[in-house]
């Protein structure tokens, strides 16, 4: 005797939206217009470990359509839950790709353009393993990296 699970595995399932998706006429959640919707674009760290020394948000805030700029200085304070990587709560970079700022704008294109207008870092890997070793990237000095072995 077979169970209901055994009969269900591999059996065809009729999908209500299947025909519309195959024909390319299905509407997805992002295609439903909403009034007063804002869009965000994340600015991510390009180093694996360090501290944010300075973020010049003026380049982003001066662009048309930009509503807000959030980083560790301007974001609302969250209740500390013991997670060392709570976003926008301090200047510590814990991993490469960590969100260090968020640009909010009227359109997605404006948010992305504003995030791209911020100064970018050009860093090289820190080859030392000493926790006291620090370097400042030569192009902008926005983030100071701590040793890779810390």
N, C-alpha and C. Protein backbone atom coordinates (compact mmCIF):
# COMPACT_ATOMS: atom_id res chain seq x y z
N UNK A 1 0.84 -1.18 0.00
CA UNK A 1 0.00 0.00 0.00
C UNK A 1 0.89 1.25 0.00
N UNK A 2 0.57 2.22 -0.84
CA UNK A 2 1.36 3.46 -0.91
C UNK A 2 0.70 4.56 -0.08
N UNK A 3 1.55 5.41 0.44
CA UNK A 3 1.04 6.51 1.26
C UNK A 3 0.72 7.71 0.38
N UNK A 4 0.05 8.68 0.95
CA UNK A 4 -0.30 9.91 0.22
C UNK A 4 0.96 10.64 -0.24
N UNK A 5 2.01 10.62 0.58
CA UNK A 5 3.25 11.29 0.22
C UNK A 5 3.88 10.61 -0.99
N UNK A 6 3.91 9.32 -1.02
CA UNK A 6 4.49 8.59 -2.14
C UNK A 6 3.72 8.86 -3.43
N UNK A 7 2.42 9.01 -3.36
CA UNK A 7 1.62 9.31 -4.55
C UNK A 7 1.84 10.76 -5.01
N UNK A 8 2.15 11.66 -4.09
CA UNK A 8 2.29 13.08 -4.42
C UNK A 8 3.64 13.38 -5.06
N UNK A 9 4.68 12.67 -4.65
CA UNK A 9 6.01 12.94 -5.16
C UNK A 9 6.07 12.57 -6.64
N UNK A 10 6.44 13.55 -7.46
CA UNK A 10 6.57 13.32 -8.89
C UNK A 10 5.28 13.44 -9.68
N UNK A 11 4.17 13.64 -9.00
CA UNK A 11 2.88 13.76 -9.69
C UNK A 11 2.71 15.17 -10.25
N UNK A 12 2.11 15.33 -11.41
CA UNK A 12 1.89 16.66 -11.96
C UNK A 12 0.91 17.45 -11.09
N UNK A 13 1.17 18.74 -11.01
CA UNK A 13 0.33 19.62 -10.21
C UNK A 13 -0.17 20.75 -11.11
N UNK A 14 -1.47 20.97 -11.12
CA UNK A 14 -2.03 22.06 -11.90
C UNK A 14 -1.74 23.37 -11.19
N UNK A 15 -1.11 24.31 -11.89
CA UNK A 15 -0.79 25.62 -11.31
C UNK A 15 -1.69 26.66 -11.93
N UNK A 16 -2.37 27.39 -11.10
CA UNK A 16 -3.32 28.39 -11.56
C UNK A 16 -2.64 29.43 -12.45
N UNK A 17 -1.44 29.87 -12.05
CA UNK A 17 -0.76 30.92 -12.79
C UNK A 17 0.17 30.39 -13.88
N UNK A 18 0.27 29.10 -14.03
CA UNK A 18 1.22 28.50 -14.96
C UNK A 18 1.07 28.95 -16.39
N UNK A 19 -0.12 28.94 -16.93
CA UNK A 19 -0.34 29.33 -18.33
C UNK A 19 0.04 30.80 -18.54
N UNK A 20 -0.36 31.67 -17.62
CA UNK A 20 -0.04 33.09 -17.76
C UNK A 20 1.47 33.33 -17.71
N UNK A 21 2.19 32.59 -16.87
CA UNK A 21 3.65 32.75 -16.80
C UNK A 21 4.31 32.28 -18.08
N UNK A 22 3.85 31.15 -18.61
CA UNK A 22 4.44 30.62 -19.84
C UNK A 22 4.20 31.58 -21.02
N UNK A 23 3.05 32.20 -21.05
CA UNK A 23 2.72 33.13 -22.14
C UNK A 23 3.33 34.52 -21.93
N UNK A 24 3.89 34.77 -20.75
CA UNK A 24 4.51 36.07 -20.48
C UNK A 24 3.53 37.16 -20.13
N UNK A 25 2.34 36.82 -19.72
CA UNK A 25 1.34 37.83 -19.38
C UNK A 25 1.04 37.89 -17.88
N UNK A 26 1.70 37.08 -17.09
CA UNK A 26 1.46 37.08 -15.65
C UNK A 26 1.99 38.37 -15.04
N UNK A 27 1.29 38.90 -14.04
CA UNK A 27 1.74 40.09 -13.33
C UNK A 27 2.41 39.65 -12.04
N UNK A 28 3.57 40.19 -11.79
CA UNK A 28 4.32 39.88 -10.59
C UNK A 28 4.13 41.01 -9.57
N UNK A 29 4.50 40.78 -8.34
CA UNK A 29 4.27 41.75 -7.27
C UNK A 29 4.86 43.11 -7.58
N UNK A 30 6.03 43.15 -8.18
CA UNK A 30 6.68 44.43 -8.49
C UNK A 30 5.96 45.21 -9.58
N UNK A 31 5.05 44.57 -10.29
CA UNK A 31 4.35 45.24 -11.39
C UNK A 31 3.03 45.89 -10.96
N UNK A 32 2.67 45.78 -9.70
CA UNK A 32 1.46 46.43 -9.20
C UNK A 32 1.85 47.81 -8.64
N UNK A 33 1.38 48.88 -9.26
CA UNK A 33 1.76 50.22 -8.78
C UNK A 33 1.16 50.52 -7.41
N UNK A 34 1.96 51.14 -6.57
CA UNK A 34 1.52 51.54 -5.24
C UNK A 34 1.80 53.04 -5.08
N UNK A 35 0.89 53.77 -4.45
CA UNK A 35 1.12 55.20 -4.27
C UNK A 35 2.21 55.47 -3.24
N UNK A 36 2.98 56.52 -3.47
CA UNK A 36 4.01 57.00 -2.53
C UNK A 36 5.01 55.91 -2.15
N UNK A 37 5.40 55.09 -3.09
CA UNK A 37 6.37 54.04 -2.85
C UNK A 37 7.78 54.60 -2.98
N UNK A 38 8.66 54.23 -2.07
CA UNK A 38 10.06 54.64 -2.13
C UNK A 38 10.92 53.41 -2.41
N UNK A 39 12.10 53.66 -2.98
CA UNK A 39 13.01 52.58 -3.36
C UNK A 39 14.36 52.80 -2.67
N UNK A 40 15.04 51.70 -2.37
CA UNK A 40 16.33 51.79 -1.71
C UNK A 40 17.42 51.09 -2.49
N UNK A 41 18.63 51.59 -2.31
CA UNK A 41 19.81 50.95 -2.89
C UNK A 41 20.88 50.89 -1.80
N UNK A 42 21.41 49.70 -1.58
CA UNK A 42 22.39 49.47 -0.53
C UNK A 42 23.80 49.77 -1.03
N UNK A 43 24.58 50.43 -0.19
CA UNK A 43 26.00 50.64 -0.44
C UNK A 43 26.73 49.62 0.43
N UNK A 44 27.50 48.73 -0.20
CA UNK A 44 28.15 47.63 0.52
C UNK A 44 29.64 47.90 0.71
N UNK A 45 30.18 47.34 1.78
CA UNK A 45 31.61 47.45 2.05
C UNK A 45 32.40 46.64 1.03
N UNK A 46 33.54 47.18 0.65
CA UNK A 46 34.43 46.46 -0.26
C UNK A 46 35.62 45.84 0.47
N UNK A 47 35.65 45.98 1.78
CA UNK A 47 36.70 45.33 2.56
C UNK A 47 36.05 44.33 3.50
N UNK A 48 36.83 43.38 3.98
CA UNK A 48 36.29 42.31 4.82
C UNK A 48 36.25 42.67 6.29
N UNK A 49 37.08 43.59 6.72
CA UNK A 49 37.12 43.91 8.14
C UNK A 49 37.71 45.30 8.31
N UNK A 50 37.10 46.10 9.14
CA UNK A 50 37.61 47.44 9.37
C UNK A 50 36.59 48.34 10.03
N UNK A 51 36.76 49.65 9.81
CA UNK A 51 35.84 50.65 10.37
C UNK A 51 35.53 51.69 9.31
N UNK A 52 34.30 52.18 9.33
CA UNK A 52 33.91 53.27 8.45
C UNK A 52 34.43 54.55 9.09
N UNK A 53 35.29 55.25 8.38
CA UNK A 53 35.86 56.48 8.93
C UNK A 53 35.02 57.68 8.56
N UNK A 54 34.49 57.68 7.31
CA UNK A 54 33.74 58.84 6.85
C UNK A 54 32.92 58.42 5.64
N UNK A 55 31.69 58.89 5.58
CA UNK A 55 30.86 58.71 4.39
C UNK A 55 30.35 60.09 4.01
N UNK A 56 30.70 60.54 2.83
CA UNK A 56 30.25 61.84 2.35
C UNK A 56 28.92 61.65 1.64
N UNK A 57 27.83 61.87 2.36
CA UNK A 57 26.50 61.64 1.82
C UNK A 57 26.00 62.78 0.93
N UNK A 58 26.70 63.92 0.92
CA UNK A 58 26.25 65.06 0.13
C UNK A 58 26.11 64.74 -1.35
N UNK A 59 27.03 63.93 -1.87
CA UNK A 59 26.98 63.57 -3.29
C UNK A 59 25.68 62.87 -3.64
N UNK A 60 25.17 62.06 -2.72
CA UNK A 60 23.91 61.35 -2.96
C UNK A 60 22.71 62.24 -2.68
N UNK A 61 22.75 62.97 -1.58
CA UNK A 61 21.60 63.79 -1.18
C UNK A 61 21.32 64.94 -2.14
N UNK A 62 22.32 65.39 -2.89
CA UNK A 62 22.13 66.49 -3.82
C UNK A 62 21.45 66.07 -5.12
N UNK A 63 21.33 64.77 -5.36
CA UNK A 63 20.74 64.30 -6.61
C UNK A 63 19.21 64.37 -6.55
N UNK A 64 18.56 64.58 -7.69
CA UNK A 64 17.09 64.68 -7.70
C UNK A 64 16.44 63.36 -7.30
N UNK A 65 15.36 63.46 -6.54
CA UNK A 65 14.58 62.29 -6.15
C UNK A 65 15.03 61.60 -4.89
N UNK A 66 16.21 61.96 -4.35
CA UNK A 66 16.71 61.29 -3.15
C UNK A 66 15.94 61.80 -1.94
N UNK A 67 15.40 60.86 -1.18
CA UNK A 67 14.57 61.17 -0.01
C UNK A 67 15.39 61.13 1.28
N UNK A 68 16.23 60.12 1.41
CA UNK A 68 16.97 59.94 2.66
C UNK A 68 18.25 59.17 2.43
N UNK A 69 19.17 59.29 3.38
CA UNK A 69 20.42 58.56 3.37
C UNK A 69 20.62 58.02 4.78
N UNK A 70 20.75 56.71 4.90
CA UNK A 70 20.95 56.08 6.20
C UNK A 70 22.32 55.44 6.28
N UNK A 71 22.99 55.67 7.39
CA UNK A 71 24.23 54.96 7.69
C UNK A 71 24.30 54.82 9.21
N UNK A 72 25.45 54.47 9.74
CA UNK A 72 25.54 54.23 11.18
C UNK A 72 25.31 55.49 12.01
N UNK A 73 25.45 56.67 11.39
CA UNK A 73 25.22 57.92 12.13
C UNK A 73 23.76 58.34 12.14
N UNK A 74 23.00 57.97 11.09
CA UNK A 74 21.65 58.51 10.92
C UNK A 74 20.53 57.48 11.07
N UNK A 75 20.86 56.21 11.10
CA UNK A 75 19.82 55.17 11.18
C UNK A 75 19.21 55.13 12.59
N UNK A 76 17.95 54.74 12.68
CA UNK A 76 17.33 54.59 14.01
C UNK A 76 18.08 53.53 14.82
N UNK A 77 18.16 53.75 16.11
CA UNK A 77 18.83 52.80 17.00
C UNK A 77 17.93 51.59 17.22
N UNK A 78 18.51 50.41 17.12
CA UNK A 78 17.79 49.17 17.33
C UNK A 78 18.16 48.59 18.69
N UNK A 79 17.27 47.79 19.24
CA UNK A 79 17.56 47.10 20.50
C UNK A 79 18.65 46.07 20.23
N UNK A 80 19.70 46.10 21.02
CA UNK A 80 20.83 45.18 20.83
C UNK A 80 20.41 43.77 21.18
N UNK A 81 20.50 42.88 20.19
CA UNK A 81 20.13 41.47 20.41
C UNK A 81 21.36 40.58 20.50
N UNK A 82 22.54 41.20 20.59
CA UNK A 82 23.76 40.44 20.72
C UNK A 82 24.37 40.02 19.40
N UNK A 83 23.76 40.39 18.28
CA UNK A 83 24.30 40.07 16.97
C UNK A 83 25.33 41.12 16.61
N UNK A 84 26.57 40.70 16.40
CA UNK A 84 27.62 41.68 16.15
C UNK A 84 27.48 42.39 14.81
N UNK A 85 26.66 41.90 13.93
CA UNK A 85 26.52 42.51 12.61
C UNK A 85 25.16 43.18 12.41
N UNK A 86 24.64 43.84 13.44
CA UNK A 86 23.39 44.58 13.27
C UNK A 86 23.65 45.74 12.31
N UNK A 87 22.84 45.88 11.29
CA UNK A 87 23.09 46.83 10.22
C UNK A 87 22.91 48.27 10.68
N UNK A 88 23.85 49.11 10.27
CA UNK A 88 23.82 50.57 10.47
C UNK A 88 23.82 50.98 11.94
N UNK A 89 24.33 50.16 12.84
CA UNK A 89 24.32 50.50 14.25
C UNK A 89 25.67 50.98 14.76
N UNK A 90 26.74 50.68 14.07
CA UNK A 90 28.05 51.18 14.46
C UNK A 90 28.93 51.26 13.22
N UNK A 91 30.16 51.71 13.41
CA UNK A 91 31.06 51.92 12.28
C UNK A 91 31.93 50.70 11.97
N UNK A 92 31.67 49.57 12.59
CA UNK A 92 32.50 48.38 12.41
C UNK A 92 32.06 47.60 11.17
N UNK A 93 33.04 47.26 10.32
CA UNK A 93 32.79 46.40 9.16
C UNK A 93 33.18 44.99 9.55
N UNK A 94 32.23 44.07 9.49
CA UNK A 94 32.47 42.69 9.91
C UNK A 94 32.76 41.76 8.74
N UNK A 95 32.30 42.11 7.53
CA UNK A 95 32.50 41.23 6.39
C UNK A 95 32.39 42.02 5.09
N UNK A 96 33.03 41.50 4.05
CA UNK A 96 32.95 42.12 2.73
C UNK A 96 31.52 42.00 2.22
N UNK A 97 30.99 43.09 1.70
CA UNK A 97 29.62 43.10 1.21
C UNK A 97 28.61 43.53 2.26
N UNK A 98 29.08 43.83 3.48
CA UNK A 98 28.17 44.28 4.54
C UNK A 98 27.56 45.61 4.15
N UNK A 99 26.25 45.76 4.29
CA UNK A 99 25.64 47.07 4.02
C UNK A 99 26.17 48.12 4.99
N UNK A 100 26.70 49.22 4.44
CA UNK A 100 27.19 50.30 5.30
C UNK A 100 26.37 51.57 5.12
N UNK A 101 25.53 51.61 4.09
CA UNK A 101 24.65 52.76 3.89
C UNK A 101 23.47 52.33 3.02
N UNK A 102 22.41 53.13 3.08
CA UNK A 102 21.23 52.89 2.27
C UNK A 102 20.74 54.22 1.74
N UNK A 103 20.55 54.30 0.42
CA UNK A 103 20.00 55.50 -0.21
C UNK A 103 18.55 55.23 -0.54
N UNK A 104 17.65 56.12 -0.14
CA UNK A 104 16.22 55.99 -0.40
C UNK A 104 15.83 57.10 -1.38
N UNK A 105 15.11 56.71 -2.46
CA UNK A 105 14.73 57.69 -3.48
C UNK A 105 13.35 57.39 -4.03
N UNK A 106 12.86 58.29 -4.87
CA UNK A 106 11.52 58.16 -5.45
C UNK A 106 11.41 57.04 -6.48
N UNK A 107 12.51 56.75 -7.17
CA UNK A 107 12.53 55.65 -8.13
C UNK A 107 13.74 54.77 -7.87
N UNK A 108 13.68 53.54 -8.36
CA UNK A 108 14.82 52.63 -8.19
C UNK A 108 16.04 53.16 -8.92
N UNK A 109 15.84 53.74 -10.09
CA UNK A 109 16.95 54.28 -10.87
C UNK A 109 17.63 55.42 -10.12
N UNK A 110 16.84 56.30 -9.49
CA UNK A 110 17.41 57.41 -8.72
C UNK A 110 18.19 56.89 -7.51
N UNK A 111 17.66 55.88 -6.85
CA UNK A 111 18.35 55.30 -5.69
C UNK A 111 19.68 54.69 -6.10
N UNK A 112 19.68 53.96 -7.20
CA UNK A 112 20.94 53.35 -7.66
C UNK A 112 21.94 54.40 -8.10
N UNK A 113 21.48 55.43 -8.80
CA UNK A 113 22.39 56.49 -9.25
C UNK A 113 23.00 57.22 -8.06
N UNK A 114 22.20 57.46 -7.04
CA UNK A 114 22.71 58.15 -5.85
C UNK A 114 23.72 57.28 -5.10
N UNK A 115 23.45 55.99 -5.00
CA UNK A 115 24.41 55.09 -4.35
C UNK A 115 25.71 55.03 -5.15
N UNK A 116 25.60 55.03 -6.46
CA UNK A 116 26.79 55.01 -7.31
C UNK A 116 27.57 56.32 -7.25
N UNK A 117 26.90 57.42 -6.89
CA UNK A 117 27.56 58.72 -6.82
C UNK A 117 28.44 58.86 -5.58
N UNK A 118 28.27 57.97 -4.61
CA UNK A 118 29.11 58.03 -3.41
C UNK A 118 30.53 57.61 -3.76
N UNK A 119 31.52 58.16 -3.06
CA UNK A 119 32.90 57.74 -3.31
C UNK A 119 33.07 56.26 -3.06
N UNK A 120 33.79 55.58 -3.94
CA UNK A 120 34.05 54.15 -3.81
C UNK A 120 35.46 53.92 -3.32
N UNK A 121 35.63 52.82 -2.63
CA UNK A 121 36.95 52.46 -2.12
C UNK A 121 37.71 51.60 -3.11
N UNK A 122 38.98 51.81 -3.17
CA UNK A 122 39.86 50.94 -3.94
C UNK A 122 40.88 50.41 -2.95
N UNK A 123 40.66 49.20 -2.46
CA UNK A 123 41.52 48.67 -1.41
C UNK A 123 42.31 47.47 -1.90
N UNK A 124 43.36 47.20 -1.19
CA UNK A 124 44.15 46.00 -1.43
C UNK A 124 44.09 45.15 -0.18
N UNK A 125 44.20 43.83 -0.31
CA UNK A 125 44.13 42.98 0.88
C UNK A 125 45.24 43.31 1.86
N UNK A 126 44.93 43.27 3.13
CA UNK A 126 45.92 43.48 4.17
C UNK A 126 46.67 42.17 4.35
N UNK A 127 47.94 42.17 4.09
CA UNK A 127 48.73 40.94 4.13
C UNK A 127 49.28 40.63 5.52
N UNK A 128 49.06 41.50 6.48
CA UNK A 128 49.58 41.24 7.82
C UNK A 128 48.59 40.41 8.61
N UNK A 129 49.08 39.80 9.66
CA UNK A 129 48.19 39.03 10.53
C UNK A 129 48.14 39.63 11.93
N UNK A 130 48.82 40.73 12.14
CA UNK A 130 48.82 41.36 13.45
C UNK A 130 47.55 42.18 13.64
N UNK A 131 46.92 42.05 14.79
CA UNK A 131 45.70 42.81 15.07
C UNK A 131 45.97 44.29 15.19
N UNK A 132 47.21 44.66 15.49
CA UNK A 132 47.52 46.08 15.63
C UNK A 132 47.84 46.72 14.28
N UNK A 133 48.05 45.92 13.26
CA UNK A 133 48.38 46.48 11.95
C UNK A 133 47.12 47.06 11.32
N UNK A 134 47.24 48.27 10.82
CA UNK A 134 46.10 48.95 10.20
C UNK A 134 46.60 49.64 8.94
N UNK A 135 45.75 49.78 7.97
CA UNK A 135 46.12 50.55 6.79
C UNK A 135 44.95 51.41 6.37
N UNK A 136 45.26 52.46 5.66
CA UNK A 136 44.23 53.35 5.13
C UNK A 136 44.30 53.26 3.62
N UNK A 137 43.20 52.89 2.96
CA UNK A 137 43.20 52.82 1.50
C UNK A 137 43.65 54.14 0.90
N UNK A 138 44.45 54.07 -0.14
CA UNK A 138 45.08 55.27 -0.67
C UNK A 138 44.13 56.20 -1.40
N UNK A 139 43.00 55.70 -1.92
CA UNK A 139 42.18 56.58 -2.76
C UNK A 139 41.32 57.54 -1.96
N UNK A 140 40.64 57.08 -0.91
CA UNK A 140 39.75 57.99 -0.21
C UNK A 140 39.91 57.95 1.30
N UNK A 141 40.38 56.87 1.86
CA UNK A 141 40.53 56.78 3.30
C UNK A 141 39.21 56.71 4.04
N UNK A 142 38.17 56.21 3.41
CA UNK A 142 36.87 56.14 4.06
C UNK A 142 36.79 55.02 5.07
N UNK A 143 37.49 53.92 4.82
CA UNK A 143 37.44 52.79 5.74
C UNK A 143 38.85 52.40 6.11
N UNK A 144 39.07 52.13 7.38
CA UNK A 144 40.35 51.65 7.86
C UNK A 144 40.20 50.18 8.15
N UNK A 145 41.07 49.36 7.62
CA UNK A 145 40.95 47.92 7.79
C UNK A 145 41.83 47.46 8.95
N UNK A 146 41.34 46.50 9.71
CA UNK A 146 42.16 45.89 10.76
C UNK A 146 42.80 44.64 10.18
N UNK A 147 43.76 44.10 10.89
CA UNK A 147 44.50 42.94 10.40
C UNK A 147 43.61 41.75 10.11
N UNK A 148 43.97 40.98 9.11
CA UNK A 148 43.16 39.84 8.68
C UNK A 148 43.15 38.73 9.71
N UNK A 149 44.16 38.68 10.58
CA UNK A 149 44.24 37.59 11.54
C UNK A 149 43.50 37.85 12.83
N UNK A 150 42.82 38.97 12.97
CA UNK A 150 42.15 39.31 14.23
C UNK A 150 40.90 38.48 14.43
